């Protein structure tokens, strides 16, 4: 992601709106289909910045067909972090 070419940085409410849509429809739609289904319109470039952020942060993944799925599971992360045999050394 080239930060110099970003025209519009997303606001928090925009990021949350995209996260919710992906979470609710996990694995059903491609990037373009998700953008078309957003409750409020935004520039495609801004939407792409959000998608890049979600991919980088490990919250979403893209399959071979280009469909986007929500993969972040904080409950499972807490469960595994609580196991002493899995601690970081």
PDB file of N, CA and C in Angstrom:
ATOM      1  N   UNK A   1       0.858  -1.175   0.000  1.00  0.00           N
ATOM      2  CA  UNK A   1       0.000   0.000   0.000  1.00  0.00           C
ATOM      3  C   UNK A   1       0.900   1.233   0.000  1.00  0.00           C
ATOM      4  N   UNK A   2       0.774   2.069  -0.986  1.00  0.00           N
ATOM      5  CA  UNK A   2       1.579   3.273  -1.117  1.00  0.00           C
ATOM      6  C   UNK A   2       0.849   4.443  -0.469  1.00  0.00           C
ATOM      7  N   UNK A   3       1.342   4.863   0.698  1.00  0.00           N
ATOM      8  CA  UNK A   3       0.676   5.908   1.480  1.00  0.00           C
ATOM      9  C   UNK A   3       0.644   7.258   0.768  1.00  0.00           C
ATOM     10  N   UNK A   4       1.542   7.515  -0.158  1.00  0.00           N
ATOM     11  CA  UNK A   4       1.598   8.807  -0.829  1.00  0.00           C
ATOM     12  C   UNK A   4       0.438   9.029  -1.787  1.00  0.00           C
ATOM     13  N   UNK A   5      -0.182   7.952  -2.256  1.00  0.00           N
ATOM     14  CA  UNK A   5      -1.222   8.080  -3.269  1.00  0.00           C
ATOM     15  C   UNK A   5      -2.638   8.010  -2.691  1.00  0.00           C
ATOM     16  N   UNK A   6      -2.772   7.907  -1.390  1.00  0.00           N
ATOM     17  CA  UNK A   6      -4.086   7.805  -0.775  1.00  0.00           C
ATOM     18  C   UNK A   6      -4.724   9.185  -0.727  1.00  0.00           C
ATOM     19  N   UNK A   7      -5.892   9.320  -1.358  1.00  0.00           N
ATOM     20  CA  UNK A   7      -6.590  10.604  -1.400  1.00  0.00           C
ATOM     21  C   UNK A   7      -7.482  10.799  -0.185  1.00  0.00           C
ATOM     22  N   UNK A   8      -8.146   9.734   0.247  1.00  0.00           N
ATOM     23  CA  UNK A   8      -9.068   9.821   1.369  1.00  0.00           C
ATOM     24  C   UNK A   8      -8.790   8.697   2.353  1.00  0.00           C
ATOM     25  N   UNK A   9      -8.379   9.063   3.560  1.00  0.00           N
ATOM     26  CA  UNK A   9      -8.196   8.062   4.594  1.00  0.00           C
ATOM     27  C   UNK A   9      -9.555   7.755   5.199  1.00  0.00           C
ATOM     28  N   UNK A  10      -9.794   6.495   5.517  1.00  0.00           N
ATOM     29  CA  UNK A  10     -11.109   6.133   6.052  1.00  0.00           C
ATOM     30  C   UNK A  10     -11.293   6.622   7.485  1.00  0.00           C
ATOM     31  N   UNK A  11     -12.524   6.964   7.799  1.00  0.00           N
ATOM     32  CA  UNK A  11     -12.889   7.307   9.172  1.00  0.00           C
ATOM     33  C   UNK A  11     -13.237   6.019   9.899  1.00  0.00           C
ATOM     34  N   UNK A  12     -13.219   6.075  11.221  1.00  0.00           N
ATOM     35  CA  UNK A  12     -13.503   4.886  12.019  1.00  0.00           C
ATOM     36  C   UNK A  12     -14.871   4.310  11.705  1.00  0.00           C
ATOM     37  N   UNK A  13     -15.886   5.151  11.542  1.00  0.00           N
ATOM     38  CA  UNK A  13     -17.227   4.622  11.257  1.00  0.00           C
ATOM     39  C   UNK A  13     -17.265   3.885   9.920  1.00  0.00           C
ATOM     40  N   UNK A  14     -16.444   4.310   8.969  1.00  0.00           N
ATOM     41  CA  UNK A  14     -16.379   3.622   7.681  1.00  0.00           C
ATOM     42  C   UNK A  14     -15.720   2.250   7.824  1.00  0.00           C
ATOM     43  N   UNK A  15     -14.642   2.196   8.603  1.00  0.00           N
ATOM     44  CA  UNK A  15     -13.966   0.919   8.842  1.00  0.00           C
ATOM     45  C   UNK A  15     -14.921  -0.051   9.536  1.00  0.00           C
ATOM     46  N   UNK A  16     -15.624   0.433  10.550  1.00  0.00           N
ATOM     47  CA  UNK A  16     -16.560  -0.427  11.281  1.00  0.00           C
ATOM     48  C   UNK A  16     -17.706  -0.904  10.391  1.00  0.00           C
ATOM     49  N   UNK A  17     -18.176  -0.048   9.490  1.00  0.00           N
ATOM     50  CA  UNK A  17     -19.248  -0.426   8.576  1.00  0.00           C
ATOM     51  C   UNK A  17     -18.788  -1.564   7.656  1.00  0.00           C
ATOM     52  N   UNK A  18     -17.574  -1.458   7.121  1.00  0.00           N
ATOM     53  CA  UNK A  18     -17.046  -2.500   6.245  1.00  0.00           C
ATOM     54  C   UNK A  18     -16.816  -3.783   7.038  1.00  0.00           C
ATOM     55  N   UNK A  19     -16.241  -3.668   8.240  1.00  0.00           N
ATOM     56  CA  UNK A  19     -16.030  -4.848   9.086  1.00  0.00           C
ATOM     57  C   UNK A  19     -17.337  -5.580   9.354  1.00  0.00           C
ATOM     58  N   UNK A  20     -18.383  -4.849   9.695  1.00  0.00           N
ATOM     59  CA  UNK A  20     -19.667  -5.469  10.009  1.00  0.00           C
ATOM     60  C   UNK A  20     -20.241  -6.200   8.803  1.00  0.00           C
ATOM     61  N   UNK A  21     -20.181  -5.570   7.642  1.00  0.00           N
ATOM     62  CA  UNK A  21     -20.707  -6.214   6.437  1.00  0.00           C
ATOM     63  C   UNK A  21     -19.937  -7.498   6.122  1.00  0.00           C
ATOM     64  N   UNK A  22     -18.607  -7.449   6.224  1.00  0.00           N
ATOM     65  CA  UNK A  22     -17.809  -8.648   5.963  1.00  0.00           C
ATOM     66  C   UNK A  22     -18.100  -9.722   7.004  1.00  0.00           C
ATOM     67  N   UNK A  23     -18.200  -9.337   8.268  1.00  0.00           N
ATOM     68  CA  UNK A  23     -18.503 -10.298   9.338  1.00  0.00           C
ATOM     69  C   UNK A  23     -19.859 -10.966   9.090  1.00  0.00           C
ATOM     70  N   UNK A  24     -20.858 -10.177   8.735  1.00  0.00           N
ATOM     71  CA  UNK A  24     -22.220 -10.694   8.534  1.00  0.00           C
ATOM     72  C   UNK A  24     -22.356 -11.564   7.283  1.00  0.00           C
ATOM     73  N   UNK A  25     -21.530 -11.314   6.259  1.00  0.00           N
ATOM     74  CA  UNK A  25     -21.663 -12.043   4.994  1.00  0.00           C
ATOM     75  C   UNK A  25     -20.407 -12.855   4.692  1.00  0.00           C
ATOM     76  N   UNK A  26     -19.672 -13.238   5.691  1.00  0.00           N
ATOM     77  CA  UNK A  26     -18.370 -13.881   5.551  1.00  0.00           C
ATOM     78  C   UNK A  26     -18.347 -14.990   4.497  1.00  0.00           C
ATOM     79  N   UNK A  27     -17.467 -14.837   3.525  1.00  0.00           N
ATOM     80  CA  UNK A  27     -17.264 -15.853   2.505  1.00  0.00           C
ATOM     81  C   UNK A  27     -18.247 -15.845   1.354  1.00  0.00           C
ATOM     82  N   UNK A  28     -19.192 -14.918   1.339  1.00  0.00           N
ATOM     83  CA  UNK A  28     -20.220 -14.899   0.294  1.00  0.00           C
ATOM     84  C   UNK A  28     -19.865 -14.030  -0.909  1.00  0.00           C
ATOM     85  N   UNK A  29     -19.120 -12.936  -0.680  1.00  0.00           N
ATOM     86  CA  UNK A  29     -18.951 -11.933  -1.724  1.00  0.00           C
ATOM     87  C   UNK A  29     -17.495 -11.584  -1.990  1.00  0.00           C
ATOM     88  N   UNK A  30     -17.248 -11.085  -3.207  1.00  0.00           N
ATOM     89  CA  UNK A  30     -15.932 -10.574  -3.579  1.00  0.00           C
ATOM     90  C   UNK A  30     -15.810  -9.125  -3.101  1.00  0.00           C
ATOM     91  N   UNK A  31     -14.623  -8.567  -3.282  1.00  0.00           N
ATOM     92  CA  UNK A  31     -14.369  -7.182  -2.876  1.00  0.00           C
ATOM     93  C   UNK A  31     -15.354  -6.221  -3.536  1.00  0.00           C
ATOM     94  N   UNK A  32     -15.516  -6.326  -4.834  1.00  0.00           N
ATOM     95  CA  UNK A  32     -16.422  -5.425  -5.565  1.00  0.00           C
ATOM     96  C   UNK A  32     -17.861  -5.617  -5.111  1.00  0.00           C
ATOM     97  N   UNK A  33     -18.282  -6.866  -4.886  1.00  0.00           N
ATOM     98  CA  UNK A  33     -19.650  -7.131  -4.441  1.00  0.00           C
ATOM     99  C   UNK A  33     -19.901  -6.555  -3.047  1.00  0.00           C
ATOM    100  N   UNK A  34     -18.905  -6.611  -2.182  1.00  0.00           N
ATOM    101  CA  UNK A  34     -19.040  -6.019  -0.843  1.00  0.00           C
ATOM    102  C   UNK A  34     -19.176  -4.504  -0.971  1.00  0.00           C
ATOM    103  N   UNK A  35     -18.334  -3.895  -1.794  1.00  0.00           N
ATOM    104  CA  UNK A  35     -18.394  -2.442  -1.989  1.00  0.00           C
ATOM    105  C   UNK A  35     -19.770  -2.020  -2.499  1.00  0.00           C
ATOM    106  N   UNK A  36     -20.336  -2.796  -3.428  1.00  0.00           N
ATOM    107  CA  UNK A  36     -21.669  -2.491  -3.961  1.00  0.00           C
ATOM    108  C   UNK A  36     -22.770  -2.610  -2.906  1.00  0.00           C
ATOM    109  N   UNK A  37     -22.554  -3.404  -1.878  1.00  0.00           N
ATOM    110  CA  UNK A  37     -23.580  -3.653  -0.855  1.00  0.00           C
ATOM    111  C   UNK A  37     -23.441  -2.786   0.398  1.00  0.00           C
ATOM    112  N   UNK A  38     -22.488  -1.902   0.432  1.00  0.00           N
ATOM    113  CA  UNK A  38     -22.318  -1.048   1.613  1.00  0.00           C
ATOM    114  C   UNK A  38     -23.561  -0.190   1.823  1.00  0.00           C
ATOM    115  N   UNK A  39     -23.995  -0.028   3.086  1.00  0.00           N
ATOM    116  CA  UNK A  39     -25.182   0.782   3.351  1.00  0.00           C
ATOM    117  C   UNK A  39     -24.986   2.262   3.001  1.00  0.00           C
ATOM    118  N   UNK A  40     -23.737   2.754   3.114  1.00  0.00           N
ATOM    119  CA  UNK A  40     -23.420   4.126   2.728  1.00  0.00           C
ATOM    120  C   UNK A  40     -22.276   4.051   1.733  1.00  0.00           C
ATOM    121  N   UNK A  41     -22.365   4.810   0.664  1.00  0.00           N
ATOM    122  CA  UNK A  41     -21.341   4.767  -0.376  1.00  0.00           C
ATOM    123  C   UNK A  41     -20.068   5.481   0.068  1.00  0.00           C
ATOM    124  N   UNK A  42     -18.950   4.992  -0.459  1.00  0.00           N
ATOM    125  CA  UNK A  42     -17.656   5.631  -0.238  1.00  0.00           C
ATOM    126  C   UNK A  42     -16.835   5.440  -1.503  1.00  0.00           C
ATOM    127  N   UNK A  43     -15.769   6.205  -1.628  1.00  0.00           N
ATOM    128  CA  UNK A  43     -14.891   6.058  -2.782  1.00  0.00           C
ATOM    129  C   UNK A  43     -14.263   4.664  -2.760  1.00  0.00           C
ATOM    130  N   UNK A  44     -14.090   4.073  -3.939  1.00  0.00           N
ATOM    131  CA  UNK A  44     -13.525   2.732  -4.023  1.00  0.00           C
ATOM    132  C   UNK A  44     -12.097   2.706  -3.474  1.00  0.00           C
ATOM    133  N   UNK A  45     -11.350   3.790  -3.680  1.00  0.00           N
ATOM    134  CA  UNK A  45      -9.981   3.857  -3.161  1.00  0.00           C
ATOM    135  C   UNK A  45      -9.982   3.807  -1.629  1.00  0.00           C
ATOM    136  N   UNK A  46     -10.894   4.519  -1.002  1.00  0.00           N
ATOM    137  CA  UNK A  46     -11.002   4.496   0.456  1.00  0.00           C
ATOM    138  C   UNK A  46     -11.375   3.095   0.929  1.00  0.00           C
ATOM    139  N   UNK A  47     -12.312   2.465   0.235  1.00  0.00           N
ATOM    140  CA  UNK A  47     -12.709   1.096   0.545  1.00  0.00           C
ATOM    141  C   UNK A  47     -11.513   0.154   0.415  1.00  0.00           C
ATOM    142  N   UNK A  48     -10.705   0.339  -0.611  1.00  0.00           N
ATOM    143  CA  UNK A  48      -9.522  -0.503  -0.814  1.00  0.00           C
ATOM    144  C   UNK A  48      -8.512  -0.346   0.319  1.00  0.00           C
ATOM    145  N   UNK A  49      -8.375   0.869   0.839  1.00  0.00           N
ATOM    146  CA  UNK A  49      -7.489   1.094   1.984  1.00  0.00           C
ATOM    147  C   UNK A  49      -7.985   0.294   3.184  1.00  0.00           C
ATOM    148  N   UNK A  50      -9.292   0.277   3.404  1.00  0.00           N
ATOM    149  CA  UNK A  50      -9.875  -0.486   4.520  1.00  0.00           C
ATOM    150  C   UNK A  50      -9.612  -1.977   4.319  1.00  0.00           C
ATOM    151  N   UNK A  51      -9.840  -2.485   3.116  1.00  0.00           N
ATOM    152  CA  UNK A  51      -9.600  -3.900   2.836  1.00  0.00           C
ATOM    153  C   UNK A  51      -8.133  -4.250   3.062  1.00  0.00           C
ATOM    154  N   UNK A  52      -7.227  -3.403   2.587  1.00  0.00           N
ATOM    155  CA  UNK A  52      -5.796  -3.638   2.803  1.00  0.00           C
ATOM    156  C   UNK A  52      -5.463  -3.690   4.290  1.00  0.00           C
ATOM    157  N   UNK A  53      -6.037  -2.769   5.063  1.00  0.00           N
ATOM    158  CA  UNK A  53      -5.816  -2.764   6.511  1.00  0.00           C
ATOM    159  C   UNK A  53      -6.330  -4.058   7.155  1.00  0.00           C
ATOM    160  N   UNK A  54      -7.543  -4.490   6.771  1.00  0.00           N
ATOM    161  CA  UNK A  54      -8.120  -5.696   7.359  1.00  0.00           C
ATOM    162  C   UNK A  54      -7.314  -6.940   6.989  1.00  0.00           C
ATOM    163  N   UNK A  55      -6.791  -6.992   5.779  1.00  0.00           N
ATOM    164  CA  UNK A  55      -5.917  -8.102   5.382  1.00  0.00           C
ATOM    165  C   UNK A  55      -4.623  -8.082   6.183  1.00  0.00           C
ATOM    166  N   UNK A  56      -4.003  -6.911   6.279  1.00  0.00           N
ATOM    167  CA  UNK A  56      -2.738  -6.761   6.995  1.00  0.00           C
ATOM    168  C   UNK A  56      -2.880  -7.113   8.477  1.00  0.00           C
ATOM    169  N   UNK A  57      -4.014  -6.755   9.077  1.00  0.00           N
ATOM    170  CA  UNK A  57      -4.214  -6.995  10.508  1.00  0.00           C
ATOM    171  C   UNK A  57      -4.686  -8.415  10.808  1.00  0.00           C
ATOM    172  N   UNK A  58      -4.938  -9.217   9.770  1.00  0.00           N
ATOM    173  CA  UNK A  58      -5.327 -10.606   9.976  1.00  0.00           C
ATOM    174  C   UNK A  58      -6.787 -10.805  10.328  1.00  0.00           C
ATOM    175  N   UNK A  59      -7.610  -9.830  10.039  1.00  0.00           N
ATOM    176  CA  UNK A  59      -9.037  -9.953  10.345  1.00  0.00           C
ATOM    177  C   UNK A  59      -9.818 -10.623   9.220  1.00  0.00           C
ATOM    178  N   UNK A  60      -9.324 -10.531   7.986  1.00  0.00           N
ATOM    179  CA  UNK A  60     -10.015 -11.135   6.849  1.00  0.00           C
ATOM    180  C   UNK A  60      -9.015 -11.932   6.015  1.00  0.00           C
ATOM    181  N   UNK A  61      -9.568 -12.803   5.172  1.00  0.00           N
ATOM    182  CA  UNK A  61      -8.765 -13.554   4.211  1.00  0.00           C
ATOM    183  C   UNK A  61      -9.544 -13.612   2.903  1.00  0.00           C
ATOM    184  N   UNK A  62      -8.829 -13.837   1.809  1.00  0.00           N
ATOM    185  CA  UNK A  62      -9.441 -13.927   0.487  1.00  0.00           C
ATOM    186  C   UNK A  62      -9.164 -15.319  -0.062  1.00  0.00           C
ATOM    187  N   UNK A  63     -10.225 -15.994  -0.530  1.00  0.00           N
ATOM    188  CA  UNK A  63     -10.047 -17.339  -1.086  1.00  0.00           C
ATOM    189  C   UNK A  63      -9.686 -17.285  -2.562  1.00  0.00           C
ATOM    190  N   UNK A  64      -9.551 -18.438  -3.184  1.00  0.00           N
ATOM    191  CA  UNK A  64      -9.153 -18.521  -4.600  1.00  0.00           C
ATOM    192  C   UNK A  64     -10.148 -17.849  -5.530  1.00  0.00           C
ATOM    193  N   UNK A  65     -11.410 -17.837  -5.142  1.00  0.00           N
ATOM    194  CA  UNK A  65     -12.445 -17.213  -5.974  1.00  0.00           C
ATOM    195  C   UNK A  65     -12.533 -15.706  -5.761  1.00  0.00           C
ATOM    196  N   UNK A  66     -11.727 -15.172  -4.849  1.00  0.00           N
ATOM    197  CA  UNK A  66     -11.751 -13.743  -4.559  1.00  0.00           C
ATOM    198  C   UNK A  66     -12.778 -13.356  -3.510  1.00  0.00           C
ATOM    199  N   UNK A  67     -13.422 -14.346  -2.885  1.00  0.00           N
ATOM    200  CA  UNK A  67     -14.412 -14.053  -1.845  1.00  0.00           C
ATOM    201  C   UNK A  67     -13.706 -13.774  -0.527  1.00  0.00           C
ATOM    202  N   UNK A  68     -14.246 -12.813   0.194  1.00  0.00           N
ATOM    203  CA  UNK A  68     -13.623 -12.347   1.433  1.00  0.00           C
ATOM    204  C   UNK A  68     -14.353 -12.935   2.627  1.00  0.00           C
ATOM    205  N   UNK A  69     -13.569 -13.486   3.573  1.00  0.00           N
ATOM    206  CA  UNK A  69     -14.138 -14.094   4.774  1.00  0.00           C
ATOM    207  C   UNK A  69     -13.531 -13.465   6.020  1.00  0.00           C
ATOM    208  N   UNK A  70     -14.337 -13.355   7.046  1.00  0.00           N
ATOM    209  CA  UNK A  70     -13.893 -12.859   8.346  1.00  0.00           C
ATOM    210  C   UNK A  70     -13.207 -14.013   9.059  1.00  0.00           C
ATOM    211  N   UNK A  71     -11.964 -13.838   9.519  1.00  0.00           N
ATOM    212  CA  UNK A  71     -11.240 -14.924  10.184  1.00  0.00           C
ATOM    213  C   UNK A  71     -10.810 -14.582  11.607  1.00  0.00           C
ATOM    214  N   UNK A  72     -10.948 -13.335  12.020  1.00  0.00           N
ATOM    215  CA  UNK A  72     -10.507 -12.911  13.353  1.00  0.00           C
ATOM    216  C   UNK A  72     -11.472 -13.442  14.403  1.00  0.00           C
ATOM    217  N   UNK A  73     -10.928 -14.118  15.414  1.00  0.00           N
ATOM    218  CA  UNK A  73     -11.737 -14.700  16.475  1.00  0.00           C
ATOM    219  C   UNK A  73     -11.069 -14.419  17.822  1.00  0.00           C
ATOM    220  N   UNK A  74     -11.386 -13.289  18.461  1.00  0.00           N
ATOM    221  CA  UNK A  74     -10.706 -12.913  19.702  1.00  0.00           C
ATOM    222  C   UNK A  74     -10.938 -13.900  20.849  1.00  0.00           C
ATOM    223  N   UNK A  75     -12.104 -14.544  20.899  1.00  0.00           N
ATOM    224  CA  UNK A  75     -12.351 -15.527  21.968  1.00  0.00           C
ATOM    225  C   UNK A  75     -11.381 -16.696  21.863  1.00  0.00           C
ATOM    226  N   UNK A  76     -11.161 -17.171  20.650  1.00  0.00           N
ATOM    227  CA  UNK A  76     -10.235 -18.275  20.464  1.00  0.00           C
ATOM    228  C   UNK A  76      -8.801 -17.848  20.774  1.00  0.00           C
ATOM    229  N   UNK A  77      -8.443 -16.640  20.409  1.00  0.00           N
ATOM    230  CA  UNK A  77      -7.105 -16.132  20.707  1.00  0.00           C
ATOM    231  C   UNK A  77      -6.894 -16.092  22.210  1.00  0.00           C
ATOM    232  N   UNK A  78      -7.864 -15.555  22.957  1.00  0.00           N
ATOM    233  CA  UNK A  78      -7.749 -15.507  24.420  1.00  0.00           C
ATOM    234  C   UNK A  78      -7.633 -16.916  25.003  1.00  0.00           C
ATOM    235  N   UNK A  79      -8.397 -17.855  24.455  1.00  0.00           N
ATOM    236  CA  UNK A  79      -8.373 -19.239  24.936  1.00  0.00           C
ATOM    237  C   UNK A  79      -6.971 -19.831  24.797  1.00  0.00           C
ATOM    238  N   UNK A  80      -6.374 -19.648  23.622  1.00  0.00           N
ATOM    239  CA  UNK A  80      -5.040 -20.218  23.408  1.00  0.00           C
ATOM    240  C   UNK A  80      -3.949 -19.461  24.146  1.00  0.00           C
ATOM    241  N   UNK A  81      -4.107 -18.165  24.310  1.00  0.00           N
ATOM    242  CA  UNK A  81      -3.121 -17.387  25.066  1.00  0.00           C
ATOM    243  C   UNK A  81      -3.134 -17.747  26.544  1.00  0.00           C
ATOM    244  N   UNK A  82      -4.261 -18.247  27.042  1.00  0.00           N
ATOM    245  CA  UNK A  82      -4.370 -18.617  28.454  1.00  0.00           C
ATOM    246  C   UNK A  82      -3.721 -19.972  28.759  1.00  0.00           C
ATOM    247  N   UNK A  83      -3.394 -20.749  27.760  1.00  0.00           N
ATOM    248  CA  UNK A  83      -2.780 -22.063  27.969  1.00  0.00           C
ATOM    249  C   UNK A  83      -1.289 -21.890  28.251  1.00  0.00           C
ATOM    250  N   UNK A  84      -0.849 -22.325  29.436  1.00  0.00           N
ATOM    251  CA  UNK A  84       0.563 -22.125  29.793  1.00  0.00           C
ATOM    252  C   UNK A  84       1.534 -22.873  28.876  1.00  0.00           C
ATOM    253  N   UNK A  85       1.111 -24.009  28.329  1.00  0.00           N
ATOM    254  CA  UNK A  85       2.015 -24.762  27.449  1.00  0.00           C
ATOM    255  C   UNK A  85       2.228 -24.082  26.098  1.00  0.00           C
ATOM    256  N   UNK A  86       1.465 -23.032  25.806  1.00  0.00           N
ATOM    257  CA  UNK A  86       1.612 -22.308  24.561  1.00  0.00           C
ATOM    258  C   UNK A  86       2.197 -20.905  24.756  1.00  0.00           C
ATOM    259  N   UNK A  87       2.858 -20.688  25.891  1.00  0.00           N
ATOM    260  CA  UNK A  87       3.382 -19.342  26.132  1.00  0.00           C
ATOM    261  C   UNK A  87       4.600 -19.051  25.249  1.00  0.00           C
ATOM    262  N   UNK A  88       4.822 -17.752  25.017  1.00  0.00           N
ATOM    263  CA  UNK A  88       5.943 -17.293  24.206  1.00  0.00           C
ATOM    264  C   UNK A  88       7.235 -17.367  25.012  1.00  0.00           C
ATOM    265  N   UNK A  89       8.291 -17.754  24.354  1.00  0.00           N
ATOM    266  CA  UNK A  89       9.597 -17.817  25.043  1.00  0.00           C
ATOM    267  C   UNK A  89      10.593 -16.949  24.342  1.00  0.00           C
TER     268      UNK A  89
END
